[in-house]
C-alpha atoms as a PDB file:
ATOM      1  CA  MET A   1     114.050  94.757 109.567  1.00  0.00           C
ATOM      2  CA  THR A   2     112.017  97.588 110.377  1.00  0.00           C
ATOM      3  CA  THR A   3     108.194  97.059 110.889  1.00  0.00           C
ATOM      4  CA  MET A   4     106.016  97.681 107.650  1.00  0.00           C
ATOM      5  CA  GLU A   5     104.271 101.174 107.873  1.00  0.00           C
ATOM      6  CA  TYR A   6     100.681 101.289 106.846  1.00  0.00           C
ATOM      7  CA  ARG A   7      99.099 104.466 105.411  1.00  0.00           C
ATOM      8  CA  HIS A   8      95.610 105.382 104.635  1.00  0.00           C
ATOM      9  CA  LEU A   9      94.974 105.595 101.040  1.00  0.00           C
ATOM     10  CA  GLY A  10      94.268 109.227 100.564  1.00  0.00           C
ATOM     11  CA  ARG A  11      91.143 110.251 102.762  1.00  0.00           C
ATOM     12  CA  SER A  12      89.631 106.978 102.535  1.00  0.00           C
ATOM     13  CA  GLY A  13      89.404 104.649 105.622  1.00  0.00           C
ATOM     14  CA  LEU A  14      91.638 102.015 103.693  1.00  0.00           C
ATOM     15  CA  GLN A  15      95.357 101.216 104.796  1.00  0.00           C
ATOM     16  CA  VAL A  16      98.135  99.909 102.515  1.00  0.00           C
ATOM     17  CA  SER A  17     101.558  99.196 103.046  1.00  0.00           C
ATOM     18  CA  VAL A  18     103.899 101.868 102.395  1.00  0.00           C
ATOM     19  CA  LEU A  19     105.889  99.198 100.135  1.00  0.00           C
ATOM     20  CA  SER A  20     103.750  97.190  97.716  1.00  0.00           C
ATOM     21  CA  LEU A  21     104.519  94.696  94.940  1.00  0.00           C
ATOM     22  CA  GLY A  22     103.490  95.384  91.330  1.00  0.00           C
ATOM     23  CA  SER A  23     103.243  92.881  88.616  1.00  0.00           C
ATOM     24  CA  TRP A  24     104.351  94.756  85.560  1.00  0.00           C
ATOM     25  CA  VAL A  25     107.802  93.630  85.945  1.00  0.00           C
ATOM     26  CA  THR A  26     107.110  90.760  88.197  1.00  0.00           C
ATOM     27  CA  PHE A  27     104.668  88.450  86.161  1.00  0.00           C
ATOM     28  CA  ALA A  28     104.217  90.563  82.790  1.00  0.00           C
ATOM     29  CA  ASN A  29     107.548  89.715  81.178  1.00  0.00           C
ATOM     30  CA  GLU A  30     106.673  87.098  78.305  1.00  0.00           C
ATOM     31  CA  ASP A  31     109.237  84.436  79.644  1.00  0.00           C
ATOM     32  CA  GLN A  32     107.359  84.542  83.199  1.00  0.00           C
ATOM     33  CA  ILE A  33     103.586  84.473  81.993  1.00  0.00           C
ATOM     34  CA  ALA A  34     103.165  80.617  82.887  1.00  0.00           C
ATOM     35  CA  ASN A  35     105.191  80.895  86.107  1.00  0.00           C
ATOM     36  CA  ALA A  36     102.705  81.173  88.776  1.00  0.00           C
ATOM     37  CA  ALA A  37     105.271  79.272  91.148  1.00  0.00           C
ATOM     38  CA  LEU A  38     107.565  82.471  90.857  1.00  0.00           C
ATOM     39  CA  ALA A  39     104.688  84.860  91.283  1.00  0.00           C
ATOM     40  CA  ALA A  40     103.516  83.256  94.573  1.00  0.00           C
ATOM     41  CA  GLU A  41     107.302  83.002  95.472  1.00  0.00           C
ATOM     42  CA  CYS A  42     107.493  86.679  95.147  1.00  0.00           C
ATOM     43  CA  MET A  43     104.027  87.573  96.677  1.00  0.00           C
ATOM     44  CA  SER A  44     104.777  85.257  99.526  1.00  0.00           C
ATOM     45  CA  ALA A  45     108.023  87.301 100.492  1.00  0.00           C
ATOM     46  CA  ALA A  46     106.402  90.530  99.986  1.00  0.00           C
ATOM     47  CA  LYS A  47     103.555  89.512 102.502  1.00  0.00           C
ATOM     48  CA  ASP A  48     106.003  88.085 104.950  1.00  0.00           C
ATOM     49  CA  ALA A  49     107.617  91.398 105.016  1.00  0.00           C
ATOM     50  CA  GLY A  50     104.243  93.116 105.774  1.00  0.00           C
ATOM     51  CA  VAL A  51     103.089  94.116 102.336  1.00  0.00           C
ATOM     52  CA  ASN A  52      99.223  93.853 101.929  1.00  0.00           C
ATOM     53  CA  PHE A  53      98.824  95.686  98.440  1.00  0.00           C
ATOM     54  CA  PHE A  54      99.367  93.952  95.127  1.00  0.00           C
ATOM     55  CA  ASP A  55      99.067  95.991  91.983  1.00  0.00           C
ATOM     56  CA  ASN A  56      98.039  94.610  88.580  1.00  0.00           C
ATOM     57  CA  ALA A  57      96.607  95.896  85.140  1.00  0.00           C
ATOM     58  CA  GLU A  58      94.293  94.453  82.444  1.00  0.00           C
ATOM     59  CA  ALA A  59      96.934  95.384  79.633  1.00  0.00           C
ATOM     60  CA  TYR A  60      99.931  93.683  81.466  1.00  0.00           C
ATOM     61  CA  ALA A  61     100.958  90.705  79.252  1.00  0.00           C
ATOM     62  CA  GLY A  62      97.569  90.965  77.531  1.00  0.00           C
ATOM     63  CA  GLY A  63      95.428  90.172  80.731  1.00  0.00           C
ATOM     64  CA  GLU A  64      98.027  87.107  81.641  1.00  0.00           C
ATOM     65  CA  SER A  65      99.556  88.871  84.443  1.00  0.00           C
ATOM     66  CA  GLU A  66      95.870  89.048  86.025  1.00  0.00           C
ATOM     67  CA  ARG A  67      95.572  85.189  85.484  1.00  0.00           C
ATOM     68  CA  VAL A  68      98.960  84.687  86.856  1.00  0.00           C
ATOM     69  CA  MET A  69      98.452  86.471  89.987  1.00  0.00           C
ATOM     70  CA  GLY A  70      94.940  84.913  90.408  1.00  0.00           C
ATOM     71  CA  ALA A  71      96.482  81.395  90.104  1.00  0.00           C
ATOM     72  CA  ALA A  72      99.226  82.729  92.606  1.00  0.00           C
ATOM     73  CA  LEU A  73      96.607  83.785  95.204  1.00  0.00           C
ATOM     74  CA  ARG A  74      95.001  80.404  94.925  1.00  0.00           C
ATOM     75  CA  ASP A  75      97.841  78.514  95.493  1.00  0.00           C
ATOM     76  CA  LEU A  76      98.793  80.639  98.485  1.00  0.00           C
ATOM     77  CA  GLY A  77      95.564  80.096 100.072  1.00  0.00           C
ATOM     78  CA  TRP A  78      95.344  83.567 101.377  1.00  0.00           C
ATOM     79  CA  SER A  79      91.888  84.657 102.622  1.00  0.00           C
ATOM     80  CA  ARG A  80      90.392  87.391 100.712  1.00  0.00           C
ATOM     81  CA  HIS A  81      90.459  89.928 103.729  1.00  0.00           C
ATOM     82  CA  GLU A  82      94.251  89.584 103.967  1.00  0.00           C
ATOM     83  CA  TYR A  83      95.101  91.532 100.851  1.00  0.00           C
ATOM     84  CA  VAL A  84      94.423  94.628  98.863  1.00  0.00           C
ATOM     85  CA  VAL A  85      94.465  94.037  94.912  1.00  0.00           C
ATOM     86  CA  SER A  86      94.091  96.327  91.848  1.00  0.00           C
ATOM     87  CA  THR A  87      93.653  96.342  88.172  1.00  0.00           C
ATOM     88  CA  LYS A  88      93.713  99.234  85.705  1.00  0.00           C
ATOM     89  CA  LEU A  89      91.507  99.669  82.781  1.00  0.00           C
ATOM     90  CA  PHE A  90      92.150 101.576  79.532  1.00  0.00           C
ATOM     91  CA  TRP A  91      94.331 100.039  76.877  1.00  0.00           C
ATOM     92  CA  GLY A  92      92.107  96.998  76.330  1.00  0.00           C
ATOM     93  CA  ILE A  93      93.021  93.579  75.234  1.00  0.00           C
ATOM     94  CA  HIS A  94      90.656  93.197  72.305  1.00  0.00           C
ATOM     95  CA  ASP A  95      91.717  94.831  68.956  1.00  0.00           C
ATOM     96  CA  GLN A  96      88.275  96.148  68.166  1.00  0.00           C
ATOM     97  CA  ILE A  97      86.452  99.312  67.940  1.00  0.00           C
ATOM     98  CA  ASN A  98      85.135 100.351  71.568  1.00  0.00           C
ATOM     99  CA  MET A  99      87.370  98.035  73.251  1.00  0.00           C
ATOM    100  CA  LYS A 100      90.846  99.862  73.459  1.00  0.00           C
ATOM    101  CA  ASN A 101      92.286 103.231  74.410  1.00  0.00           C
ATOM    102  CA  THR A 102      89.017 104.172  75.851  1.00  0.00           C
ATOM    103  CA  LEU A 103      86.985 104.840  79.003  1.00  0.00           C
ATOM    104  CA  ASN A 104      83.776 104.615  77.705  1.00  0.00           C
ATOM    105  CA  ARG A 105      80.757 102.848  79.437  1.00  0.00           C
ATOM    106  CA  LYS A 106      80.726  99.686  77.307  1.00  0.00           C
ATOM    107  CA  TYR A 107      84.397  98.986  77.471  1.00  0.00           C
ATOM    108  CA  LEU A 108      84.747  99.698  81.277  1.00  0.00           C
ATOM    109  CA  THR A 109      81.531  97.611  82.037  1.00  0.00           C
ATOM    110  CA  GLN A 110      82.883  94.606  80.158  1.00  0.00           C
ATOM    111  CA  ALA A 111      86.839  95.118  80.996  1.00  0.00           C
ATOM    112  CA  ILE A 112      85.797  94.914  84.783  1.00  0.00           C
ATOM    113  CA  ASP A 113      84.052  91.470  84.204  1.00  0.00           C
ATOM    114  CA  GLY A 114      86.844  90.280  82.103  1.00  0.00           C
ATOM    115  CA  SER A 115      89.438  91.022  84.967  1.00  0.00           C
ATOM    116  CA  LEU A 116      87.638  89.510  87.706  1.00  0.00           C
ATOM    117  CA  GLU A 117      87.208  86.287  85.597  1.00  0.00           C
ATOM    118  CA  ARG A 118      90.852  86.302  85.157  1.00  0.00           C
ATOM    119  CA  PHE A 119      91.739  86.907  88.522  1.00  0.00           C
ATOM    120  CA  GLY A 120      89.079  84.352  89.869  1.00  0.00           C
ATOM    121  CA  LEU A 121      87.809  87.146  92.315  1.00  0.00           C
ATOM    122  CA  ASP A 122      84.469  88.527  92.857  1.00  0.00           C
ATOM    123  CA  PHE A 123      85.751  91.941  93.479  1.00  0.00           C
ATOM    124  CA  VAL A 124      89.154  93.998  93.151  1.00  0.00           C
ATOM    125  CA  ASP A 125      89.517  96.434  96.057  1.00  0.00           C
ATOM    126  CA  LEU A 126      91.002  99.101  93.589  1.00  0.00           C
ATOM    127  CA  VAL A 127      90.223  99.848  89.999  1.00  0.00           C
ATOM    128  CA  PHE A 128      92.152 102.536  87.938  1.00  0.00           C
ATOM    129  CA  CYS A 129      91.429 104.523  84.731  1.00  0.00           C
ATOM    130  CA  HIS A 130      94.872 103.636  83.344  1.00  0.00           C
ATOM    131  CA  ARG A 131      95.084 106.741  81.299  1.00  0.00           C
ATOM    132  CA  PRO A 132      92.878 109.568  80.440  1.00  0.00           C
ATOM    133  CA  ASP A 133      90.427 109.354  77.563  1.00  0.00           C
ATOM    134  CA  PRO A 134      90.003 112.808  75.853  1.00  0.00           C
ATOM    135  CA  HIS A 135      87.343 111.237  73.354  1.00  0.00           C
ATOM    136  CA  THR A 136      85.028 110.146  75.933  1.00  0.00           C
ATOM    137  CA  PRO A 137      83.107 112.698  78.416  1.00  0.00           C
ATOM    138  CA  ILE A 138      84.573 112.764  81.852  1.00  0.00           C
ATOM    139  CA  GLU A 139      80.845 112.374  83.196  1.00  0.00           C
ATOM    140  CA  GLU A 140      80.357 109.098  81.229  1.00  0.00           C
ATOM    141  CA  THR A 141      83.435 107.762  82.595  1.00  0.00           C
ATOM    142  CA  VAL A 142      82.710 108.959  86.268  1.00  0.00           C
ATOM    143  CA  TRP A 143      79.045 107.402  85.978  1.00  0.00           C
ATOM    144  CA  ALA A 144      80.535 104.098  84.700  1.00  0.00           C
ATOM    145  CA  MET A 145      83.158 103.887  87.556  1.00  0.00           C
ATOM    146  CA  SER A 146      80.892 104.867  90.208  1.00  0.00           C
ATOM    147  CA  ASP A 147      78.380 102.290  88.993  1.00  0.00           C
ATOM    148  CA  MET A 148      81.103  99.638  89.078  1.00  0.00           C
ATOM    149  CA  VAL A 149      81.614 100.404  92.824  1.00  0.00           C
ATOM    150  CA  THR A 150      78.086 100.332  93.485  1.00  0.00           C
ATOM    151  CA  ALA A 151      77.715  96.640  91.960  1.00  0.00           C
ATOM    152  CA  GLY A 152      80.759  95.526  94.405  1.00  0.00           C
ATOM    153  CA  LYS A 153      82.745  94.718  91.460  1.00  0.00           C
ATOM    154  CA  ALA A 154      85.444  97.392  92.874  1.00  0.00           C
ATOM    155  CA  LEU A 155      85.576  98.808  96.303  1.00  0.00           C
ATOM    156  CA  TYR A 156      87.525 102.035  95.426  1.00  0.00           C
ATOM    157  CA  TRP A 157      88.078 103.634  91.840  1.00  0.00           C
ATOM    158  CA  GLY A 158      90.818 106.273  90.779  1.00  0.00           C
ATOM    159  CA  THR A 159      93.199 107.581  88.029  1.00  0.00           C
ATOM    160  CA  SER A 160      96.508 106.934  86.706  1.00  0.00           C
ATOM    161  CA  GLU A 161      98.390 109.635  85.025  1.00  0.00           C
ATOM    162  CA  TRP A 162      95.651 112.053  84.751  1.00  0.00           C
ATOM    163  CA  SER A 163      96.082 115.971  85.256  1.00  0.00           C
ATOM    164  CA  ALA A 164      95.142 117.695  88.168  1.00  0.00           C
ATOM    165  CA  ASP A 165      92.373 119.420  86.145  1.00  0.00           C
ATOM    166  CA  GLU A 166      90.974 116.027  84.998  1.00  0.00           C
ATOM    167  CA  ILE A 167      90.930 114.651  88.274  1.00  0.00           C
ATOM    168  CA  ARG A 168      89.155 117.538  89.993  1.00  0.00           C
ATOM    169  CA  ALA A 169      86.689 117.587  87.052  1.00  0.00           C
ATOM    170  CA  ALA A 170      85.878 113.979  87.683  1.00  0.00           C
ATOM    171  CA  TYR A 171      85.717 114.565  91.499  1.00  0.00           C
ATOM    172  CA  GLU A 172      83.304 117.805  91.086  1.00  0.00           C
ATOM    173  CA  ILE A 173      81.196 115.606  88.537  1.00  0.00           C
ATOM    174  CA  ALA A 174      80.979 112.666  91.446  1.00  0.00           C
ATOM    175  CA  GLU A 175      80.128 115.210  93.919  1.00  0.00           C
ATOM    176  CA  ARG A 176      77.424 116.964  92.074  1.00  0.00           C
ATOM    177  CA  HIS A 177      75.532 113.673  91.201  1.00  0.00           C
ATOM    178  CA  HIS A 178      76.308 112.055  94.442  1.00  0.00           C
ATOM    179  CA  LEU A 179      78.399 109.496  92.913  1.00  0.00           C
ATOM    180  CA  HIS A 180      81.351 107.617  94.309  1.00  0.00           C
ATOM    181  CA  LYS A 181      84.317 109.847  94.073  1.00  0.00           C
ATOM    182  CA  PRO A 182      87.806 109.030  92.666  1.00  0.00           C
ATOM    183  CA  VAL A 183      90.099 108.392  95.629  1.00  0.00           C
ATOM    184  CA  MET A 184      93.555 107.812  94.426  1.00  0.00           C
ATOM    185  CA  GLU A 185      95.928 108.477  91.515  1.00  0.00           C
ATOM    186  CA  GLN A 186      98.748 106.256  90.265  1.00  0.00           C
ATOM    187  CA  PRO A 187     101.458 108.378  88.678  1.00  0.00           C
ATOM    188  CA  GLN A 188     105.160 107.997  88.067  1.00  0.00           C
ATOM    189  CA  TYR A 189     107.124 109.706  90.892  1.00  0.00           C
ATOM    190  CA  ASN A 190     110.924 109.132  91.432  1.00  0.00           C
ATOM    191  CA  LEU A 191     114.173 111.302  92.163  1.00  0.00           C
ATOM    192  CA  LEU A 192     114.116 111.994  88.574  1.00  0.00           C
ATOM    193  CA  TRP A 193     110.371 112.680  87.893  1.00  0.00           C
ATOM    194  CA  ARG A 194     109.000 114.820  90.629  1.00  0.00           C
ATOM    195  CA  THR A 195     106.937 117.798  89.217  1.00  0.00           C
ATOM    196  CA  ARG A 196     103.432 115.925  88.900  1.00  0.00           C
ATOM    197  CA  VAL A 197     103.114 114.602  92.421  1.00  0.00           C
ATOM    198  CA  GLU A 198     105.085 117.466  94.276  1.00  0.00           C
ATOM    199  CA  GLN A 199     103.640 120.457  92.504  1.00  0.00           C
ATOM    200  CA  GLU A 200     100.663 119.734  89.972  1.00  0.00           C
ATOM    201  CA  TYR A 201      98.882 117.669  92.576  1.00  0.00           C
ATOM    202  CA  ARG A 202      99.509 119.990  95.483  1.00  0.00           C
ATOM    203  CA  ARG A 203      96.137 121.374  95.978  1.00  0.00           C
ATOM    204  CA  LEU A 204      94.561 118.215  95.667  1.00  0.00           C
ATOM    205  CA  TYR A 205      95.906 116.402  98.598  1.00  0.00           C
ATOM    206  CA  GLU A 206      94.020 118.915 100.863  1.00  0.00           C
ATOM    207  CA  ASP A 207      90.986 119.807  98.575  1.00  0.00           C
ATOM    208  CA  ILE A 208      89.882 116.295  97.736  1.00  0.00           C
ATOM    209  CA  GLY A 209      92.134 113.930 100.059  1.00  0.00           C
ATOM    210  CA  LEU A 210      93.710 112.425  97.119  1.00  0.00           C
ATOM    211  CA  GLY A 211      95.805 109.451  97.891  1.00  0.00           C
ATOM    212  CA  THR A 212      98.764 108.083  95.451  1.00  0.00           C
ATOM    213  CA  THR A 213     100.036 104.544  94.657  1.00  0.00           C
ATOM    214  CA  ILE A 214     103.102 105.645  92.879  1.00  0.00           C
ATOM    215  CA  TRP A 215     105.006 103.542  90.045  1.00  0.00           C
ATOM    216  CA  SER A 216     108.484 103.435  88.891  1.00  0.00           C
ATOM    217  CA  PRO A 217     110.224 104.511  91.980  1.00  0.00           C
ATOM    218  CA  LEU A 218     113.497 103.270  90.454  1.00  0.00           C
ATOM    219  CA  ALA A 219     112.781 105.023  87.195  1.00  0.00           C
ATOM    220  CA  SER A 220     112.554 101.467  85.258  1.00  0.00           C
ATOM    221  CA  GLY A 221     115.842 100.509  86.673  1.00  0.00           C
ATOM    222  CA  LEU A 222     117.827 103.774  86.099  1.00  0.00           C
ATOM    223  CA  LEU A 223     117.871 104.414  90.036  1.00  0.00           C
ATOM    224  CA  THR A 224     119.611 101.357  90.739  1.00  0.00           C
ATOM    225  CA  GLY A 225     122.720 102.467  89.078  1.00  0.00           C
ATOM    226  CA  LYS A 226     123.165  99.557  86.786  1.00  0.00           C
ATOM    227  CA  TYR A 227     123.098 101.457  83.545  1.00  0.00           C
ATOM    228  CA  LEU A 228     125.910 104.007  84.763  1.00  0.00           C
ATOM    229  CA  HIS A 229     128.162 102.396  82.268  1.00  0.00           C
ATOM    230  CA  GLY A 230     125.800 101.275  79.491  1.00  0.00           C
ATOM    231  CA  VAL A 231     123.030  98.713  79.216  1.00  0.00           C
ATOM    232  CA  PRO A 232     124.009  95.418  80.665  1.00  0.00           C
ATOM    233  CA  GLU A 233     123.136  92.362  78.802  1.00  0.00           C
ATOM    234  CA  GLY A 234     119.783  90.613  80.088  1.00  0.00           C
ATOM    235  CA  SER A 235     118.524  93.932  81.418  1.00  0.00           C
ATOM    236  CA  ARG A 236     114.950  95.264  80.718  1.00  0.00           C
ATOM    237  CA  ALA A 237     116.034  97.655  78.159  1.00  0.00           C
ATOM    238  CA  THR A 238     117.338  94.434  76.147  1.00  0.00           C
ATOM    239  CA  LEU A 239     113.739  92.721  75.994  1.00  0.00           C
ATOM    240  CA  PRO A 240     111.803  92.831  73.064  1.00  0.00           C
ATOM    241  CA  GLY A 241     108.726  95.387  73.454  1.00  0.00           C
ATOM    242  CA  TYR A 242     111.274  97.729  75.676  1.00  0.00           C
ATOM    243  CA  GLU A 243     113.283  99.550  73.138  1.00  0.00           C
ATOM    244  CA  TRP A 244     111.566 102.711  74.366  1.00  0.00           C
ATOM    245  CA  LEU A 245     113.445 102.239  77.519  1.00  0.00           C
ATOM    246  CA  ARG A 246     116.936 102.379  76.192  1.00  0.00           C
ATOM    247  CA  GLU A 247     117.052 106.050  75.139  1.00  0.00           C
ATOM    248  CA  MET A 248     115.980 107.087  78.706  1.00  0.00           C
ATOM    249  CA  LEU A 249     118.219 104.659  80.467  1.00  0.00           C
ATOM    250  CA  THR A 250     121.288 105.738  78.511  1.00  0.00           C
ATOM    251  CA  ASP A 251     120.446 109.579  78.871  1.00  0.00           C
ATOM    252  CA  LYS A 252     123.776 111.508  79.780  1.00  0.00           C
ATOM    253  CA  GLY A 253     122.169 114.048  81.943  1.00  0.00           C
ATOM    254  CA  ARG A 254     120.030 111.686  83.764  1.00  0.00           C
ATOM    255  CA  ASN A 255     122.918 109.267  84.511  1.00  0.00           C
ATOM    256  CA  GLU A 256     125.157 112.072  85.768  1.00  0.00           C
ATOM    257  CA  MET A 257     122.406 112.819  88.402  1.00  0.00           C
ATOM    258  CA  VAL A 258     122.206 109.036  89.237  1.00  0.00           C
ATOM    259  CA  ALA A 259     126.090 108.988  89.931  1.00  0.00           C
ATOM    260  CA  GLN A 260     125.543 111.964  92.396  1.00  0.00           C
ATOM    261  CA  PHE A 261     122.823 110.177  93.954  1.00  0.00           C
ATOM    262  CA  LYS A 262     124.976 107.217  94.448  1.00  0.00           C
ATOM    263  CA  VAL A 263     127.570 109.277  96.107  1.00  0.00           C
ATOM    264  CA  VAL A 264     125.187 110.203  98.999  1.00  0.00           C
ATOM    265  CA  ALA A 265     123.917 106.295  99.090  1.00  0.00           C
ATOM    266  CA  ASP A 266     127.620 105.191  99.530  1.00  0.00           C
ATOM    267  CA  GLU A 267     128.164 107.869 102.339  1.00  0.00           C
ATOM    268  CA  LEU A 268     125.056 106.241 104.010  1.00  0.00           C
ATOM    269  CA  ALA A 269     126.309 102.947 103.249  1.00  0.00           C
ATOM    270  CA  ILE A 270     123.119 101.821 101.523  1.00  0.00           C
ATOM    271  CA  THR A 271     122.419 100.911  97.979  1.00  0.00           C
ATOM    272  CA  LEU A 272     121.085 103.288  95.439  1.00  0.00           C
ATOM    273  CA  SER A 273     118.048 101.381  95.094  1.00  0.00           C
ATOM    274  CA  GLN A 274     117.131 101.423  98.807  1.00  0.00           C
ATOM    275  CA  LEU A 275     117.721 105.379  98.866  1.00  0.00           C
ATOM    276  CA  SER A 276     115.295 106.028  95.981  1.00  0.00           C
ATOM    277  CA  LEU A 277     112.692 103.753  97.377  1.00  0.00           C
ATOM    278  CA  ALA A 278     113.034 105.347 100.856  1.00  0.00           C
ATOM    279  CA  TRP A 279     113.091 108.719  99.472  1.00  0.00           C
ATOM    280  CA  CYS A 280     109.749 108.045  97.650  1.00  0.00           C
ATOM    281  CA  ALA A 281     108.302 106.596 100.730  1.00  0.00           C
ATOM    282  CA  LYS A 282     109.411 109.936 102.668  1.00  0.00           C
ATOM    283  CA  ASN A 283     106.710 111.876 101.130  1.00  0.00           C
ATOM    284  CA  PRO A 284     103.634 111.966 103.211  1.00  0.00           C
ATOM    285  CA  HIS A 285     101.428 112.350 100.081  1.00  0.00           C
ATOM    286  CA  VAL A 286     102.691 108.943  98.991  1.00  0.00           C
ATOM    287  CA  SER A 287     100.456 106.185  99.919  1.00  0.00           C
ATOM    288  CA  THR A 288     102.259 103.405  98.480  1.00  0.00           C
ATOM    289  CA  VAL A 289     105.141 102.846  96.764  1.00  0.00           C
ATOM    290  CA  ILE A 290     104.875 100.071  94.176  1.00  0.00           C
ATOM    291  CA  THR A 291     108.070  97.924  93.992  1.00  0.00           C
ATOM    292  CA  GLY A 292     108.735  95.665  91.190  1.00  0.00           C
ATOM    293  CA  ALA A 293     110.750  92.261  91.400  1.00  0.00           C
ATOM    294  CA  SER A 294     111.806  89.266  89.201  1.00  0.00           C
ATOM    295  CA  SER A 295     112.705  87.017  92.483  1.00  0.00           C
ATOM    296  CA  ALA A 296     111.910  86.572  95.936  1.00  0.00           C
ATOM    297  CA  ALA A 297     115.530  87.521  96.726  1.00  0.00           C
ATOM    298  CA  GLN A 298     114.812  90.972  94.919  1.00  0.00           C
ATOM    299  CA  VAL A 299     111.550  91.355  96.987  1.00  0.00           C
ATOM    300  CA  HIS A 300     113.967  91.166 100.277  1.00  0.00           C
ATOM    301  CA  GLU A 301     116.266  93.583  98.847  1.00  0.00           C
ATOM    302  CA  ASN A 302     113.254  96.133  98.063  1.00  0.00           C
ATOM    303  CA  MET A 303     111.962  95.716 101.561  1.00  0.00           C
ATOM    304  CA  THR A 304     115.226  96.855 103.178  1.00  0.00           C
ATOM    305  CA  ALA A 305     114.218 100.463 101.820  1.00  0.00           C
ATOM    306  CA  LEU A 306     112.342 100.498 105.142  1.00  0.00           C
ATOM    307  CA  ASP A 307     115.382 100.530 107.118  1.00  0.00           C
ATOM    308  CA  ALA A 308     116.820 103.301 105.056  1.00  0.00           C
ATOM    309  CA  MET A 309     113.954 105.603 105.742  1.00  0.00           C
ATOM    310  CA  GLU A 310     115.437 106.871 108.979  1.00  0.00           C
ATOM    311  CA  LEU A 311     118.791 107.725 107.357  1.00  0.00           C
ATOM    312  CA  LEU A 312     117.130 110.200 105.330  1.00  0.00           C
ATOM    313  CA  THR A 313     117.494 113.028 107.758  1.00  0.00           C
ATOM    314  CA  PRO A 314     116.472 116.571 106.688  1.00  0.00           C
ATOM    315  CA  ASP A 315     120.009 117.385 105.727  1.00  0.00           C
ATOM    316  CA  VAL A 316     120.363 114.336 103.433  1.00  0.00           C
ATOM    317  CA  MET A 317     116.766 115.194 101.964  1.00  0.00           C
ATOM    318  CA  GLU A 318     118.102 118.666 101.325  1.00  0.00           C
ATOM    319  CA  ARG A 319     121.195 117.359  99.264  1.00  0.00           C
ATOM    320  CA  LEU A 320     118.959 115.229  97.161  1.00  0.00           C
ATOM    321  CA  ASP A 321     116.973 118.261  96.519  1.00  0.00           C
ATOM    322  CA  LEU A 322     120.004 120.228  95.193  1.00  0.00           C
ATOM    323  CA  ILE A 323     121.220 117.567  93.063  1.00  0.00           C
ATOM    324  CA  THR A 324     117.912 117.776  91.279  1.00  0.00           C
ATOM    325  CA  LEU A 325     117.831 121.321  91.186  1.00  0.00           C
ATOM    326  CA  ASN A 326     121.241 121.839  89.960  1.00  0.00           C
ATOM    327  CA  ALA A 327     120.386 119.505  87.144  1.00  0.00           C
ATOM    328  CA  ALA A 328     117.086 121.377  85.923  1.00  0.00           C
END
């Protein structure tokens, strides 16, 4: 298999593997919460393939995903310098005022302490504001996040699903007050969702050196092709709490595009998943592609996307662009 590639996280000095492992699917399903052994198996398989970045969030399974990953890290016995780990804060896990759906200083200050306790770590490498908060001044959030870095509880901070204007505002506030600046954004990006990463953020890559840790590269499984003929039993869309996925996964227009992508993948003798992951990684503004997996075998399959990258020649990339444009 092709050797793992490492990219700088934006303009920072930190390098992350171009393919990484996320915990939303891997550890956050209710029937997997207690299975630290499975988590460790998936993480070990990923690390063996060269992965050094493991993504998490406070809200995944109400904090239990952080506990499971922390337990796995201890079971694996990895030294702290061997991996990069993240969390994301916004949704909250306490159903109380000031503790959910916010980025105020009180919440952020207490939330990072809770995450570190669940992980069993002294610090996380990356911490994200999981969504923008229209009810808290961006300046308050920037000061709180910068203080978090100054305190050594996180090394870098960034955003997730913020608009370009919000990211730029946060950056300029930090610059004006000589605070720690946001380094990275975690947006959705895949063959079906391209606009924000490719157009809205375009100026930010050059102007502020924005890095991206992109999520949902397979569009919640749509780009695996397994929903071309309906929703199979046992798939994520059949799980309690994932009803919102069903409508998207059965969308006729999107599945017609997926069918065309599959034609290209078949011609290249690779899977649709390999094609989709490799396509995301071909974008030089993508620092890392966060993959999900529910087994070590799935981790191995995802990692084979490294081999597919060289097959995506300019001609193939243009064909994929035309499929997207013709459907627009």
